[in-house]
Amino acid sequence: MDRIAALNEVLTQNPKDAFARYGLAMEYSRQGDFDRALAEFALLLEDHPDYTAGYFMAAQTLVRAERSDDAKQMLRDGITSARRTGNLHAQSEMEAMLAELQ
């Protein structure tokens, strides 16, 4: 079974599994299927708004999809999440990426 099929199987059993949802989004992004990746990131962040890594990787996917304005907003949202959860490392990474995009 390939990774996408395995992750979808996990999500069939538990649609709110954050790790599987993140993994599926990352797999789609890795394959260049940006629309599907971004849809999975959206579901992830809707169910788990403090899954800070999701914002950062969604922003990277948006940049690869040539949607830098959307990436900037995703980073702003991610920075807010990182501050809320005290994740200083993620906050600094997203602030650096946002500065590069400005």
PDB file of N, CA and C in Angstrom:
ATOM      1  N   MET A   1       0.859  -1.177   0.000  1.00  0.00           N
ATOM      2  CA  MET A   1       0.000   0.000   0.000  1.00  0.00           C
ATOM      3  C   MET A   1       0.905   1.240   0.000  1.00  0.00           C
ATOM      4  N   ASP A   2       0.598   2.185  -0.873  1.00  0.00           N
ATOM      5  CA  ASP A   2       1.411   3.397  -0.909  1.00  0.00           C
ATOM      6  C   ASP A   2       1.061   4.311   0.262  1.00  0.00           C
ATOM      7  N   ARG A   3       1.881   5.326   0.458  1.00  0.00           N
ATOM      8  CA  ARG A   3       1.723   6.199   1.629  1.00  0.00           C
ATOM      9  C   ARG A   3       0.380   6.925   1.625  1.00  0.00           C
ATOM     10  N   ILE A   4      -0.032   7.424   0.468  1.00  0.00           N
ATOM     11  CA  ILE A   4      -1.306   8.146   0.393  1.00  0.00           C
ATOM     12  C   ILE A   4      -2.464   7.223   0.755  1.00  0.00           C
ATOM     13  N   ALA A   5      -2.447   6.018   0.218  1.00  0.00           N
ATOM     14  CA  ALA A   5      -3.507   5.059   0.537  1.00  0.00           C
ATOM     15  C   ALA A   5      -3.497   4.713   2.025  1.00  0.00           C
ATOM     16  N   ALA A   6      -2.311   4.533   2.596  1.00  0.00           N
ATOM     17  CA  ALA A   6      -2.214   4.197   4.018  1.00  0.00           C
ATOM     18  C   ALA A   6      -2.739   5.348   4.888  1.00  0.00           C
ATOM     19  N   LEU A   7      -2.377   6.561   4.533  1.00  0.00           N
ATOM     20  CA  LEU A   7      -2.845   7.715   5.312  1.00  0.00           C
ATOM     21  C   LEU A   7      -4.351   7.898   5.167  1.00  0.00           C
ATOM     22  N   ASN A   8      -4.865   7.683   3.963  1.00  0.00           N
ATOM     23  CA  ASN A   8      -6.313   7.771   3.769  1.00  0.00           C
ATOM     24  C   ASN A   8      -7.045   6.699   4.566  1.00  0.00           C
ATOM     25  N   GLU A   9      -6.432   5.534   4.698  1.00  0.00           N
ATOM     26  CA  GLU A   9      -7.040   4.467   5.501  1.00  0.00           C
ATOM     27  C   GLU A   9      -7.130   4.889   6.963  1.00  0.00           C
ATOM     28  N   VAL A  10      -6.071   5.496   7.481  1.00  0.00           N
ATOM     29  CA  VAL A  10      -6.092   6.001   8.855  1.00  0.00           C
ATOM     30  C   VAL A  10      -7.189   7.047   9.004  1.00  0.00           C
ATOM     31  N   LEU A  11      -7.282   7.943   8.019  1.00  0.00           N
ATOM     32  CA  LEU A  11      -8.272   9.023   8.092  1.00  0.00           C
ATOM     33  C   LEU A  11      -9.699   8.511   7.931  1.00  0.00           C
ATOM     34  N   THR A  12      -9.863   7.386   7.265  1.00  0.00           N
ATOM     35  CA  THR A  12     -11.189   6.772   7.175  1.00  0.00           C
ATOM     36  C   THR A  12     -11.634   6.333   8.569  1.00  0.00           C
ATOM     37  N   GLN A  13     -10.692   5.788   9.338  1.00  0.00           N
ATOM     38  CA  GLN A  13     -11.001   5.331  10.694  1.00  0.00           C
ATOM     39  C   GLN A  13     -11.138   6.506  11.674  1.00  0.00           C
ATOM     40  N   ASN A  14     -10.322   7.556  11.468  1.00  0.00           N
ATOM     41  CA  ASN A  14     -10.323   8.706  12.368  1.00  0.00           C
ATOM     42  C   ASN A  14     -10.052   9.974  11.560  1.00  0.00           C
ATOM     43  N   PRO A  15     -11.103  10.611  11.031  1.00  0.00           N
ATOM     44  CA  PRO A  15     -10.933  11.784  10.170  1.00  0.00           C
ATOM     45  C   PRO A  15     -10.235  12.968  10.839  1.00  0.00           C
ATOM     46  N   LYS A  16     -10.176  12.974  12.152  1.00  0.00           N
ATOM     47  CA  LYS A  16      -9.554  14.096  12.860  1.00  0.00           C
ATOM     48  C   LYS A  16      -8.127  13.792  13.313  1.00  0.00           C
ATOM     49  N   ASP A  17      -7.535  12.723  12.804  1.00  0.00           N
ATOM     50  CA  ASP A  17      -6.162  12.359  13.157  1.00  0.00           C
ATOM     51  C   ASP A  17      -5.201  13.398  12.562  1.00  0.00           C
ATOM     52  N   ALA A  18      -4.663  14.244  13.414  1.00  0.00           N
ATOM     53  CA  ALA A  18      -3.827  15.359  12.954  1.00  0.00           C
ATOM     54  C   ALA A  18      -2.557  14.874  12.255  1.00  0.00           C
ATOM     55  N   PHE A  19      -1.917  13.856  12.814  1.00  0.00           N
ATOM     56  CA  PHE A  19      -0.669  13.373  12.232  1.00  0.00           C
ATOM     57  C   PHE A  19      -0.892  12.807  10.833  1.00  0.00           C
ATOM     58  N   ALA A  20      -1.956  12.034  10.663  1.00  0.00           N
ATOM     59  CA  ALA A  20      -2.256  11.460   9.347  1.00  0.00           C
ATOM     60  C   ALA A  20      -2.660  12.549   8.358  1.00  0.00           C
ATOM     61  N   ARG A  21      -3.437  13.516   8.795  1.00  0.00           N
ATOM     62  CA  ARG A  21      -3.870  14.611   7.913  1.00  0.00           C
ATOM     63  C   ARG A  21      -2.655  15.421   7.454  1.00  0.00           C
ATOM     64  N   TYR A  22      -1.757  15.728   8.391  1.00  0.00           N
ATOM     65  CA  TYR A  22      -0.534  16.459   8.066  1.00  0.00           C
ATOM     66  C   TYR A  22       0.321  15.646   7.082  1.00  0.00           C
ATOM     67  N   GLY A  23       0.462  14.364   7.358  1.00  0.00           N
ATOM     68  CA  GLY A  23       1.239  13.495   6.470  1.00  0.00           C
ATOM     69  C   GLY A  23       0.669  13.439   5.070  1.00  0.00           C
ATOM     70  N   LEU A  24      -0.646  13.366   4.969  1.00  0.00           N
ATOM     71  CA  LEU A  24      -1.297  13.331   3.660  1.00  0.00           C
ATOM     72  C   LEU A  24      -1.062  14.640   2.911  1.00  0.00           C
ATOM     73  N   ALA A  25      -1.204  15.756   3.609  1.00  0.00           N
ATOM     74  CA  ALA A  25      -0.943  17.058   2.982  1.00  0.00           C
ATOM     75  C   ALA A  25       0.495  17.136   2.493  1.00  0.00           C
ATOM     76  N   MET A  26       1.419  16.653   3.303  1.00  0.00           N
ATOM     77  CA  MET A  26       2.829  16.686   2.924  1.00  0.00           C
ATOM     78  C   MET A  26       3.103  15.795   1.711  1.00  0.00           C
ATOM     79  N   GLU A  27       2.476  14.644   1.653  1.00  0.00           N
ATOM     80  CA  GLU A  27       2.653  13.748   0.507  1.00  0.00           C
ATOM     81  C   GLU A  27       2.148  14.404  -0.781  1.00  0.00           C
ATOM     82  N   TYR A  28       0.962  14.992  -0.717  1.00  0.00           N
ATOM     83  CA  TYR A  28       0.438  15.671  -1.901  1.00  0.00           C
ATOM     84  C   TYR A  28       1.354  16.829  -2.306  1.00  0.00           C
ATOM     85  N   SER A  29       1.839  17.580  -1.333  1.00  0.00           N
ATOM     86  CA  SER A  29       2.734  18.694  -1.637  1.00  0.00           C
ATOM     87  C   SER A  29       4.017  18.186  -2.279  1.00  0.00           C
ATOM     88  N   ARG A  30       4.573  17.129  -1.723  1.00  0.00           N
ATOM     89  CA  ARG A  30       5.809  16.536  -2.252  1.00  0.00           C
ATOM     90  C   ARG A  30       5.631  16.103  -3.708  1.00  0.00           C
ATOM     91  N   GLN A  31       4.442  15.618  -4.028  1.00  0.00           N
ATOM     92  CA  GLN A  31       4.150  15.159  -5.390  1.00  0.00           C
ATOM     93  C   GLN A  31       3.778  16.304  -6.328  1.00  0.00           C
ATOM     94  N   GLY A  32       3.680  17.514  -5.799  1.00  0.00           N
ATOM     95  CA  GLY A  32       3.325  18.662  -6.630  1.00  0.00           C
ATOM     96  C   GLY A  32       1.833  18.842  -6.836  1.00  0.00           C
ATOM     97  N   ASP A  33       1.020  18.109  -6.088  1.00  0.00           N
ATOM     98  CA  ASP A  33      -0.437  18.237  -6.169  1.00  0.00           C
ATOM     99  C   ASP A  33      -0.862  19.283  -5.132  1.00  0.00           C
ATOM    100  N   PHE A  34      -0.607  20.554  -5.481  1.00  0.00           N
ATOM    101  CA  PHE A  34      -0.767  21.635  -4.518  1.00  0.00           C
ATOM    102  C   PHE A  34      -2.208  21.836  -4.079  1.00  0.00           C
ATOM    103  N   ASP A  35      -3.155  21.712  -4.990  1.00  0.00           N
ATOM    104  CA  ASP A  35      -4.553  21.912  -4.611  1.00  0.00           C
ATOM    105  C   ASP A  35      -5.001  20.903  -3.555  1.00  0.00           C
ATOM    106  N   ARG A  36      -4.645  19.645  -3.763  1.00  0.00           N
ATOM    107  CA  ARG A  36      -5.024  18.625  -2.778  1.00  0.00           C
ATOM    108  C   ARG A  36      -4.277  18.831  -1.465  1.00  0.00           C
ATOM    109  N   ALA A  37      -3.000  19.192  -1.575  1.00  0.00           N
ATOM    110  CA  ALA A  37      -2.214  19.450  -0.368  1.00  0.00           C
ATOM    111  C   ALA A  37      -2.839  20.578   0.444  1.00  0.00           C
ATOM    112  N   LEU A  38      -3.186  21.652  -0.221  1.00  0.00           N
ATOM    113  CA  LEU A  38      -3.751  22.805   0.482  1.00  0.00           C
ATOM    114  C   LEU A  38      -5.122  22.499   1.062  1.00  0.00           C
ATOM    115  N   ALA A  39      -5.883  21.662   0.385  1.00  0.00           N
ATOM    116  CA  ALA A  39      -7.181  21.242   0.932  1.00  0.00           C
ATOM    117  C   ALA A  39      -6.968  20.442   2.219  1.00  0.00           C
ATOM    118  N   GLU A  40      -5.960  19.579   2.232  1.00  0.00           N
ATOM    119  CA  GLU A  40      -5.677  18.791   3.442  1.00  0.00           C
ATOM    120  C   GLU A  40      -5.149  19.681   4.560  1.00  0.00           C
ATOM    121  N   PHE A  41      -4.279  20.644   4.227  1.00  0.00           N
ATOM    122  CA  PHE A  41      -3.812  21.580   5.253  1.00  0.00           C
ATOM    123  C   PHE A  41      -4.987  22.368   5.823  1.00  0.00           C
ATOM    124  N   ALA A  42      -5.927  22.767   4.974  1.00  0.00           N
ATOM    125  CA  ALA A  42      -7.097  23.519   5.453  1.00  0.00           C
ATOM    126  C   ALA A  42      -7.910  22.687   6.437  1.00  0.00           C
ATOM    127  N   LEU A  43      -8.127  21.418   6.124  1.00  0.00           N
ATOM    128  CA  LEU A  43      -8.854  20.532   7.044  1.00  0.00           C
ATOM    129  C   LEU A  43      -8.087  20.368   8.350  1.00  0.00           C
ATOM    130  N   LEU A  44      -6.786  20.194   8.244  1.00  0.00           N
ATOM    131  CA  LEU A  44      -5.953  20.046   9.433  1.00  0.00           C
ATOM    132  C   LEU A  44      -6.094  21.253  10.348  1.00  0.00           C
ATOM    133  N   LEU A  45      -5.937  22.438   9.775  1.00  0.00           N
ATOM    134  CA  LEU A  45      -5.936  23.653  10.590  1.00  0.00           C
ATOM    135  C   LEU A  45      -7.327  24.028  11.085  1.00  0.00           C
ATOM    136  N   GLU A  46      -8.348  23.583  10.375  1.00  0.00           N
ATOM    137  CA  GLU A  46      -9.717  23.800  10.850  1.00  0.00           C
ATOM    138  C   GLU A  46      -9.968  22.988  12.117  1.00  0.00           C
ATOM    139  N   ASP A  47      -9.518  21.735  12.095  1.00  0.00           N
ATOM    140  CA  ASP A  47      -9.729  20.851  13.245  1.00  0.00           C
ATOM    141  C   ASP A  47      -8.703  21.064  14.361  1.00  0.00           C
ATOM    142  N   HIS A  48      -7.503  21.519  13.983  1.00  0.00           N
ATOM    143  CA  HIS A  48      -6.395  21.653  14.935  1.00  0.00           C
ATOM    144  C   HIS A  48      -5.690  22.990  14.714  1.00  0.00           C
ATOM    145  N   PRO A  49      -6.321  24.090  15.129  1.00  0.00           N
ATOM    146  CA  PRO A  49      -5.750  25.418  14.846  1.00  0.00           C
ATOM    147  C   PRO A  49      -4.406  25.683  15.531  1.00  0.00           C
ATOM    148  N   ASP A  50      -4.012  24.828  16.455  1.00  0.00           N
ATOM    149  CA  ASP A  50      -2.709  24.994  17.103  1.00  0.00           C
ATOM    150  C   ASP A  50      -1.653  24.031  16.559  1.00  0.00           C
ATOM    151  N   TYR A  51      -1.926  23.391  15.442  1.00  0.00           N
ATOM    152  CA  TYR A  51      -0.939  22.520  14.787  1.00  0.00           C
ATOM    153  C   TYR A  51      -0.023  23.429  13.968  1.00  0.00           C
ATOM    154  N   THR A  52       0.894  24.069  14.667  1.00  0.00           N
ATOM    155  CA  THR A  52       1.674  25.163  14.111  1.00  0.00           C
ATOM    156  C   THR A  52       2.464  24.766  12.867  1.00  0.00           C
ATOM    157  N   ALA A  53       3.013  23.579  12.840  1.00  0.00           N
ATOM    158  CA  ALA A  53       3.784  23.148  11.669  1.00  0.00           C
ATOM    159  C   ALA A  53       2.927  23.154  10.403  1.00  0.00           C
ATOM    160  N   GLY A  54       1.637  22.951  10.557  1.00  0.00           N
ATOM    161  CA  GLY A  54       0.740  22.963   9.406  1.00  0.00           C
ATOM    162  C   GLY A  54       0.732  24.302   8.687  1.00  0.00           C
ATOM    163  N   TYR A  55       0.799  25.378   9.436  1.00  0.00           N
ATOM    164  CA  TYR A  55       0.820  26.712   8.823  1.00  0.00           C
ATOM    165  C   TYR A  55       2.103  26.914   8.016  1.00  0.00           C
ATOM    166  N   PHE A  56       3.215  26.516   8.613  1.00  0.00           N
ATOM    167  CA  PHE A  56       4.509  26.716   7.964  1.00  0.00           C
ATOM    168  C   PHE A  56       4.602  25.914   6.671  1.00  0.00           C
ATOM    169  N   MET A  57       4.192  24.658   6.727  1.00  0.00           N
ATOM    170  CA  MET A  57       4.281  23.817   5.532  1.00  0.00           C
ATOM    171  C   MET A  57       3.232  24.215   4.492  1.00  0.00           C
ATOM    172  N   ALA A  58       2.073  24.665   4.933  1.00  0.00           N
ATOM    173  CA  ALA A  58       1.070  25.171   3.991  1.00  0.00           C
ATOM    174  C   ALA A  58       1.608  26.414   3.288  1.00  0.00           C
ATOM    175  N   ALA A  59       2.284  27.281   4.045  1.00  0.00           N
ATOM    176  CA  ALA A  59       2.875  28.479   3.434  1.00  0.00           C
ATOM    177  C   ALA A  59       3.931  28.097   2.409  1.00  0.00           C
ATOM    178  N   GLN A  60       4.752  27.107   2.720  1.00  0.00           N
ATOM    179  CA  GLN A  60       5.757  26.663   1.750  1.00  0.00           C
ATOM    180  C   GLN A  60       5.089  26.104   0.503  1.00  0.00           C
ATOM    181  N   THR A  61       4.011  25.376   0.681  1.00  0.00           N
ATOM    182  CA  THR A  61       3.268  24.844  -0.468  1.00  0.00           C
ATOM    183  C   THR A  61       2.677  25.986  -1.291  1.00  0.00           C
ATOM    184  N   LEU A  62       2.149  26.985  -0.635  1.00  0.00           N
ATOM    185  CA  LEU A  62       1.591  28.143  -1.347  1.00  0.00           C
ATOM    186  C   LEU A  62       2.667  28.868  -2.160  1.00  0.00           C
ATOM    187  N   VAL A  63       3.855  28.986  -1.620  1.00  0.00           N
ATOM    188  CA  VAL A  63       4.954  29.604  -2.370  1.00  0.00           C
ATOM    189  C   VAL A  63       5.273  28.766  -3.604  1.00  0.00           C
ATOM    190  N   ARG A  64       5.342  27.460  -3.434  1.00  0.00           N
ATOM    191  CA  ARG A  64       5.623  26.578  -4.578  1.00  0.00           C
ATOM    192  C   ARG A  64       4.518  26.670  -5.634  1.00  0.00           C
ATOM    193  N   ALA A  65       3.293  26.965  -5.191  1.00  0.00           N
ATOM    194  CA  ALA A  65       2.160  27.116  -6.109  1.00  0.00           C
ATOM    195  C   ALA A  65       2.068  28.544  -6.654  1.00  0.00           C
ATOM    196  N   GLU A  66       3.085  29.360  -6.364  1.00  0.00           N
ATOM    197  CA  GLU A  66       3.162  30.744  -6.827  1.00  0.00           C
ATOM    198  C   GLU A  66       2.005  31.592  -6.314  1.00  0.00           C
ATOM    199  N   ARG A  67       1.674  31.387  -5.042  1.00  0.00           N
ATOM    200  CA  ARG A  67       0.614  32.147  -4.372  1.00  0.00           C
ATOM    201  C   ARG A  67       1.210  32.825  -3.145  1.00  0.00           C
ATOM    202  N   SER A  68       2.154  33.734  -3.384  1.00  0.00           N
ATOM    203  CA  SER A  68       2.905  34.316  -2.271  1.00  0.00           C
ATOM    204  C   SER A  68       2.043  35.183  -1.357  1.00  0.00           C
ATOM    205  N   ASP A  69       1.044  35.860  -1.879  1.00  0.00           N
ATOM    206  CA  ASP A  69       0.181  36.659  -1.003  1.00  0.00           C
ATOM    207  C   ASP A  69      -0.564  35.761  -0.016  1.00  0.00           C
ATOM    208  N   ASP A  70      -1.052  34.625  -0.505  1.00  0.00           N
ATOM    209  CA  ASP A  70      -1.726  33.667   0.384  1.00  0.00           C
ATOM    210  C   ASP A  70      -0.726  33.071   1.378  1.00  0.00           C
ATOM    211  N   ALA A  71       0.499  32.852   0.920  1.00  0.00           N
ATOM    212  CA  ALA A  71       1.539  32.326   1.814  1.00  0.00           C
ATOM    213  C   ALA A  71       1.818  33.307   2.942  1.00  0.00           C
ATOM    214  N   LYS A  72       1.868  34.590   2.625  1.00  0.00           N
ATOM    215  CA  LYS A  72       2.112  35.604   3.658  1.00  0.00           C
ATOM    216  C   LYS A  72       1.012  35.568   4.715  1.00  0.00           C
ATOM    217  N   GLN A  73      -0.232  35.459   4.289  1.00  0.00           N
ATOM    218  CA  GLN A  73      -1.331  35.395   5.253  1.00  0.00           C
ATOM    219  C   GLN A  73      -1.258  34.116   6.080  1.00  0.00           C
ATOM    220  N   MET A  74      -0.909  33.017   5.449  1.00  0.00           N
ATOM    221  CA  MET A  74      -0.772  31.753   6.181  1.00  0.00           C
ATOM    222  C   MET A  74       0.318  31.880   7.239  1.00  0.00           C
ATOM    223  N   LEU A  75       1.412  32.549   6.890  1.00  0.00           N
ATOM    224  CA  LEU A  75       2.494  32.755   7.852  1.00  0.00           C
ATOM    225  C   LEU A  75       2.045  33.645   9.004  1.00  0.00           C
ATOM    226  N   ARG A  76       1.297  34.684   8.702  1.00  0.00           N
ATOM    227  CA  ARG A  76       0.784  35.549   9.781  1.00  0.00           C
ATOM    228  C   ARG A  76      -0.098  34.743  10.737  1.00  0.00           C
ATOM    229  N   ASP A  77      -0.964  33.910  10.168  1.00  0.00           N
ATOM    230  CA  ASP A  77      -1.820  33.061  10.994  1.00  0.00           C
ATOM    231  C   ASP A  77      -0.982  32.073  11.806  1.00  0.00           C
ATOM    232  N   GLY A  78       0.050  31.537  11.175  1.00  0.00           N
ATOM    233  CA  GLY A  78       0.935  30.597  11.859  1.00  0.00           C
ATOM    234  C   GLY A  78       1.710  31.245  12.985  1.00  0.00           C
ATOM    235  N   ILE A  79       2.150  32.469  12.765  1.00  0.00           N
ATOM    236  CA  ILE A  79       2.871  33.202  13.820  1.00  0.00           C
ATOM    237  C   ILE A  79       1.948  33.422  15.014  1.00  0.00           C
ATOM    238  N   THR A  80       0.695  33.743  14.743  1.00  0.00           N
ATOM    239  CA  THR A  80      -0.282  33.898  15.822  1.00  0.00           C
ATOM    240  C   THR A  80      -0.440  32.589  16.593  1.00  0.00           C
ATOM    241  N   SER A  81      -0.536  31.487  15.869  1.00  0.00           N
ATOM    242  CA  SER A  81      -0.654  30.175  16.511  1.00  0.00           C
ATOM    243  C   SER A  81       0.591  29.865  17.336  1.00  0.00           C
ATOM    244  N   ALA A  82       1.763  30.141  16.775  1.00  0.00           N
ATOM    245  CA  ALA A  82       3.016  29.859  17.483  1.00  0.00           C
ATOM    246  C   ALA A  82       3.111  30.679  18.766  1.00  0.00           C
ATOM    247  N   ARG A  83       2.697  31.926  18.700  1.00  0.00           N
ATOM    248  CA  ARG A  83       2.707  32.764  19.907  1.00  0.00           C
ATOM    249  C   ARG A  83       1.739  32.207  20.954  1.00  0.00           C
ATOM    250  N   ARG A  84       0.554  31.806  20.475  1.00  0.00           N
ATOM    251  CA  ARG A  84      -0.480  31.292  21.377  1.00  0.00           C
ATOM    252  C   ARG A  84       0.004  30.019  22.093  1.00  0.00           C
ATOM    253  N   THR A  85       0.775  29.197  21.374  1.00  0.00           N
ATOM    254  CA  THR A  85       1.213  27.917  21.944  1.00  0.00           C
ATOM    255  C   THR A  85       2.613  27.988  22.544  1.00  0.00           C
ATOM    256  N   GLY A  86       3.270  29.142  22.415  1.00  0.00           N
ATOM    257  CA  GLY A  86       4.615  29.288  22.967  1.00  0.00           C
ATOM    258  C   GLY A  86       5.695  28.584  22.171  1.00  0.00           C
ATOM    259  N   ASN A  87       5.442  28.339  20.898  1.00  0.00           N
ATOM    260  CA  ASN A  87       6.411  27.651  20.041  1.00  0.00           C
ATOM    261  C   ASN A  87       7.328  28.692  19.402  1.00  0.00           C
ATOM    262  N   LEU A  88       8.358  29.086  20.129  1.00  0.00           N
ATOM    263  CA  LEU A  88       9.242  30.151  19.677  1.00  0.00           C
ATOM    264  C   LEU A  88      10.054  29.766  18.447  1.00  0.00           C
ATOM    265  N   HIS A  89      10.433  28.500  18.349  1.00  0.00           N
ATOM    266  CA  HIS A  89      11.201  28.052  17.188  1.00  0.00           C
ATOM    267  C   HIS A  89      10.377  28.204  15.908  1.00  0.00           C
ATOM    268  N   ALA A  90       9.158  27.704  15.926  1.00  0.00           N
ATOM    269  CA  ALA A  90       8.290  27.826  14.750  1.00  0.00           C
ATOM    270  C   ALA A  90       7.996  29.287  14.449  1.00  0.00           C
ATOM    271  N   GLN A  91       7.788  30.061  15.491  1.00  0.00           N
ATOM    272  CA  GLN A  91       7.522  31.487  15.300  1.00  0.00           C
ATOM    273  C   GLN A  91       8.683  32.152  14.566  1.00  0.00           C
ATOM    274  N   SER A  92       9.901  31.885  14.999  1.00  0.00           N
ATOM    275  CA  SER A  92      11.054  32.531  14.363  1.00  0.00           C
ATOM    276  C   SER A  92      11.240  32.058  12.924  1.00  0.00           C
ATOM    277  N   GLU A  93      10.984  30.770  12.650  1.00  0.00           N
ATOM    278  CA  GLU A  93      11.091  30.272  11.275  1.00  0.00           C
ATOM    279  C   GLU A  93      10.073  30.957  10.362  1.00  0.00           C
ATOM    280  N   MET A  94       8.850  31.098  10.858  1.00  0.00           N
ATOM    281  CA  MET A  94       7.808  31.724  10.038  1.00  0.00           C
ATOM    282  C   MET A  94       8.049  33.211   9.884  1.00  0.00           C
ATOM    283  N   GLU A  95       8.548  33.870  10.915  1.00  0.00           N
ATOM    284  CA  GLU A  95       8.872  35.286  10.789  1.00  0.00           C
ATOM    285  C   GLU A  95       9.984  35.494   9.752  1.00  0.00           C
ATOM    286  N   ALA A  96      10.969  34.603   9.736  1.00  0.00           N
ATOM    287  CA  ALA A  96      12.057  34.710   8.758  1.00  0.00           C
ATOM    288  C   ALA A  96      11.527  34.488   7.342  1.00  0.00           C
ATOM    289  N   MET A  97      10.671  33.515   7.163  1.00  0.00           N
ATOM    290  CA  MET A  97      10.109  33.261   5.840  1.00  0.00           C
ATOM    291  C   MET A  97       9.246  34.445   5.388  1.00  0.00           C
ATOM    292  N   LEU A  98       8.461  34.984   6.313  1.00  0.00           N
ATOM    293  CA  LEU A  98       7.620  36.147   5.981  1.00  0.00           C
ATOM    294  C   LEU A  98       8.486  37.324   5.566  1.00  0.00           C
ATOM    295  N   ALA A  99       9.567  37.544   6.264  1.00  0.00           N
ATOM    296  CA  ALA A  99      10.478  38.655   5.906  1.00  0.00           C
ATOM    297  C   ALA A  99      11.064  38.443   4.513  1.00  0.00           C
ATOM    298  N   GLU A 100      11.381  37.216   4.162  1.00  0.00           N
ATOM    299  CA  GLU A 100      11.912  36.920   2.825  1.00  0.00           C
ATOM    300  C   GLU A 100      10.876  37.204   1.737  1.00  0.00           C
ATOM    301  N   LEU A 101       9.617  36.981   2.055  1.00  0.00           N
ATOM    302  CA  LEU A 101       8.547  37.164   1.059  1.00  0.00           C
ATOM    303  C   LEU A 101       8.135  38.635   0.923  1.00  0.00           C
ATOM    304  N   GLN A 102       8.468  39.460   1.903  1.00  0.00           N
ATOM    305  CA  GLN A 102       8.047  40.871   1.889  1.00  0.00           C
ATOM    306  C   GLN A 102       8.752  41.639   0.782  1.00  0.00           C
TER     307      GLN A 102
END
